[in-house]
Amino acid sequence: KIGTEFPEGLYIFVPTLSDNHAVEGIYSDPECKNQISSEYVHFDGTRIAKISGDGYVDFSWATAYNLDMHPELVNDPHKTEGMFIVGRDIEAGTYELEETNNSYGYAEWYI
């Protein structure tokens, strides 16, 4: 439960499986039947999400770290793939993106 068992905050979800894949979603009920987030997110690499409000967090194959409580955690874009925070994980600036397709058929972007 968000705010009780899962404190509100800015989270990084770090996959724990060797294929670097995980899932995450927000639901209005503890049985995870009524989804209130835009989608149950499948992701490769780290995922960053602001968790707040009423509901329940459900995630699999990842460890969740509250970045507000653990500012010392490093999310190094040279060592991991995923989402990164500008000004925290990568320097602010202008970057050129390159698109490729991953094994799931979705586009991925690289800096």
Protein backbone atom coordinates (compact mmCIF):
# COMPACT_ATOMS: atom_id res chain seq x y z
CA LYS A 1 0.00 0.00 0.00
CA ILE A 2 1.37 3.37 -1.05
CA GLY A 3 2.02 5.61 1.93
CA THR A 4 1.83 2.76 4.46
CA GLU A 5 3.88 -0.26 3.37
CA PHE A 6 5.48 1.54 0.43
CA PRO A 7 6.48 5.14 1.26
CA GLU A 8 5.71 7.81 -1.32
CA GLY A 9 8.74 9.05 -3.22
CA LEU A 10 10.92 8.84 -6.27
CA TYR A 11 11.89 5.23 -6.95
CA ILE A 12 14.33 3.38 -9.09
CA PHE A 13 13.37 -0.18 -10.00
CA VAL A 14 16.43 -2.33 -10.70
CA PRO A 15 15.83 -5.67 -12.48
CA THR A 16 17.09 -8.78 -10.67
CA LEU A 17 16.88 -11.33 -13.52
CA SER A 18 19.78 -12.05 -15.84
CA ASP A 19 17.78 -10.82 -18.88
CA ASN A 20 17.46 -7.40 -17.17
CA HIS A 21 13.64 -7.45 -17.61
CA ALA A 22 11.03 -6.48 -15.00
CA VAL A 23 7.44 -5.19 -14.66
CA GLU A 24 5.69 -2.56 -12.51
CA GLY A 25 2.15 -1.20 -12.09
CA ILE A 26 -0.15 0.75 -9.73
CA TYR A 27 -3.55 -0.63 -8.70
CA SER A 28 -6.51 0.60 -6.65
CA ASP A 29 -6.91 -2.74 -4.84
CA PRO A 30 -4.53 -5.15 -3.09
CA GLU A 31 -5.53 -8.00 -5.45
CA CYS A 32 -4.17 -5.98 -8.40
CA LYS A 33 -7.37 -6.24 -10.45
CA ASN A 34 -8.14 -2.54 -10.98
CA GLN A 35 -5.17 -0.84 -12.57
CA ILE A 36 -4.90 2.92 -12.09
CA SER A 37 -1.55 3.54 -13.77
CA SER A 38 -1.52 4.04 -17.51
CA GLU A 39 -0.15 0.55 -18.09
CA TYR A 40 1.58 -2.37 -16.46
CA VAL A 41 5.06 -1.42 -17.55
CA HIS A 42 7.45 -4.04 -18.89
CA PHE A 43 10.95 -2.61 -18.88
CA ASP A 44 14.55 -3.56 -19.52
CA GLY A 45 17.16 -1.86 -17.41
CA THR A 46 16.37 0.57 -14.63
CA ARG A 47 13.01 2.35 -14.42
CA ILE A 48 12.38 5.54 -12.48
CA ALA A 49 8.89 6.36 -11.24
CA LYS A 50 7.31 8.87 -8.86
CA ILE A 51 5.07 6.82 -6.55
CA SER A 52 2.37 8.77 -4.69
CA GLY A 53 -1.33 8.87 -3.92
CA ASP A 54 -3.73 6.09 -3.06
CA GLY A 55 -3.17 2.61 -4.39
CA TYR A 56 -0.95 -0.41 -4.38
CA VAL A 57 2.39 -0.92 -6.10
CA ASP A 58 2.93 -4.27 -7.79
CA PHE A 59 6.28 -5.15 -9.33
CA SER A 60 8.12 -8.32 -10.23
CA TRP A 61 11.71 -9.27 -10.98
CA ALA A 62 13.10 -6.01 -9.57
CA THR A 63 14.25 -4.34 -6.37
CA ALA A 64 12.75 -0.92 -5.62
CA TYR A 65 14.88 1.78 -4.01
CA ASN A 66 13.43 5.06 -2.76
CA LEU A 67 15.86 7.69 -4.11
CA ASP A 68 14.53 10.26 -1.63
CA MET A 69 15.72 7.97 1.19
CA HIS A 70 18.88 6.77 -0.60
CA PRO A 71 20.42 9.70 -2.49
CA GLU A 72 23.77 7.90 -2.43
CA LEU A 73 22.58 5.26 -4.92
CA VAL A 74 24.38 5.55 -8.24
CA ASN A 75 22.56 4.95 -11.54
CA ASP A 76 25.52 4.99 -13.93
CA PRO A 77 24.48 5.15 -17.62
CA HIS A 78 27.90 3.73 -18.57
CA LYS A 79 27.24 0.55 -16.54
CA THR A 80 23.48 0.02 -16.80
CA GLU A 81 20.69 0.55 -19.30
CA GLY A 82 17.37 2.12 -18.44
CA MET A 83 16.01 5.49 -17.32
CA PHE A 84 18.19 8.23 -15.94
CA ILE A 85 17.57 11.57 -14.22
CA VAL A 86 19.08 14.62 -15.92
CA GLY A 87 21.22 16.52 -13.45
CA ARG A 88 21.55 13.48 -11.19
CA ASP A 89 22.58 10.53 -13.37
CA ILE A 90 23.55 12.35 -16.57
CA GLU A 91 24.65 15.91 -17.15
CA ALA A 92 22.18 18.37 -18.62
CA GLY A 93 22.93 19.07 -22.25
CA THR A 94 22.06 18.32 -25.83
CA TYR A 95 22.33 14.70 -26.91
CA GLU A 96 21.84 12.89 -30.19
CA LEU A 97 19.62 9.81 -29.97
CA GLU A 98 19.93 6.67 -32.06
CA GLU A 99 16.98 4.31 -32.48
CA THR A 100 17.27 0.51 -32.59
CA ASN A 101 14.78 -2.34 -32.08
CA ASN A 102 15.03 -4.67 -29.10
CA SER A 103 14.19 -8.38 -28.95
CA TYR A 104 10.56 -7.54 -28.07
CA GLY A 105 10.13 -5.52 -31.27
CA TYR A 106 9.96 -2.16 -29.48
CA ALA A 107 12.11 0.82 -30.33
CA GLU A 108 14.94 1.65 -27.96
CA TRP A 109 16.85 4.88 -27.83
CA TYR A 110 20.53 5.29 -27.18
CA ILE A 111 22.58 8.37 -26.45
